[in-house]
């Protein structure tokens, strides 16, 4: 496994470990690509990772919603 200087974690909006039924409603009328777990990484996290990478840090963004 590679060594990283910075680990940025993007958690899902609704974890499946709650143990209770979850009935998601419509999130947005505008975006058709939004899921109930918000697995898309926000632009702010990408900007932080880009800034750190440009300044010599090895950065990893861990998108937990994709692994659940």
Protein backbone atom coordinates (compact mmCIF):
# COMPACT_ATOMS: atom_id res chain seq x y z
CA UNK A 1 0.00 0.00 0.00
CA UNK A 2 1.28 3.43 -0.89
CA UNK A 3 2.10 5.97 1.80
CA UNK A 4 0.05 9.14 1.80
CA UNK A 5 0.61 12.41 3.61
CA UNK A 6 -3.08 13.34 3.73
CA UNK A 7 -6.23 11.20 3.77
CA UNK A 8 -9.51 12.98 2.99
CA UNK A 9 -12.61 10.93 3.87
CA UNK A 10 -15.97 11.54 2.17
CA UNK A 11 -18.64 9.68 4.19
CA UNK A 12 -22.05 8.73 2.78
CA UNK A 13 -25.04 10.82 3.82
CA UNK A 14 -26.96 7.82 5.16
CA UNK A 15 -24.87 4.88 6.35
CA UNK A 16 -26.36 1.41 5.92
CA UNK A 17 -25.27 0.48 9.44
CA UNK A 18 -28.26 2.25 11.01
CA UNK A 19 -30.19 -1.02 11.16
CA UNK A 20 -33.55 0.52 10.35
CA UNK A 21 -35.49 0.90 7.11
CA UNK A 22 -34.68 3.98 5.10
CA UNK A 23 -36.96 5.30 2.38
CA UNK A 24 -35.16 8.04 0.48
CA UNK A 25 -37.23 10.64 -1.25
CA UNK A 26 -36.27 12.83 -4.18
CA UNK A 27 -33.08 14.71 -3.38
CA UNK A 28 -33.22 17.30 -6.10
CA UNK A 29 -35.33 18.13 -9.11
CA UNK A 30 -32.26 19.52 -10.88
CA UNK A 31 -29.61 16.80 -10.69
CA UNK A 32 -30.43 13.37 -12.07
CA UNK A 33 -27.03 12.03 -10.98
CA UNK A 34 -27.59 12.46 -7.23
CA UNK A 35 -28.14 9.27 -5.26
CA UNK A 36 -29.50 8.75 -1.78
CA UNK A 37 -25.99 8.31 -0.43
CA UNK A 38 -24.35 11.29 -2.13
CA UNK A 39 -21.44 9.24 -3.43
CA UNK A 40 -20.22 12.13 -5.56
CA UNK A 41 -17.26 13.84 -3.92
CA UNK A 42 -17.84 17.55 -3.39
CA UNK A 43 -15.87 20.07 -5.38
CA UNK A 44 -14.42 21.51 -2.18
CA UNK A 45 -12.71 18.23 -1.28
CA UNK A 46 -11.34 17.98 -4.81
CA UNK A 47 -10.01 21.54 -4.56
CA UNK A 48 -8.29 20.81 -1.26
CA UNK A 49 -6.74 17.64 -2.68
CA UNK A 50 -5.55 19.52 -5.77
CA UNK A 51 -4.00 22.31 -3.69
CA UNK A 52 -2.16 19.84 -1.46
CA UNK A 53 -0.97 17.81 -4.45
CA UNK A 54 0.42 20.92 -6.15
CA UNK A 55 2.35 21.70 -2.97
CA UNK A 56 4.05 18.31 -2.80
CA UNK A 57 1.73 16.27 -0.59
CA UNK A 58 0.54 12.79 -1.52
CA UNK A 59 -3.24 12.86 -1.12
CA UNK A 60 -5.88 10.13 -1.12
CA UNK A 61 -9.63 10.76 -1.21
CA UNK A 62 -11.49 7.84 0.35
CA UNK A 63 -15.09 7.81 -0.88
CA UNK A 64 -16.78 5.54 1.66
CA UNK A 65 -20.14 5.65 -0.16
CA UNK A 66 -18.68 3.74 -3.12
CA UNK A 67 -17.50 0.89 -0.89
CA UNK A 68 -20.79 0.34 0.97
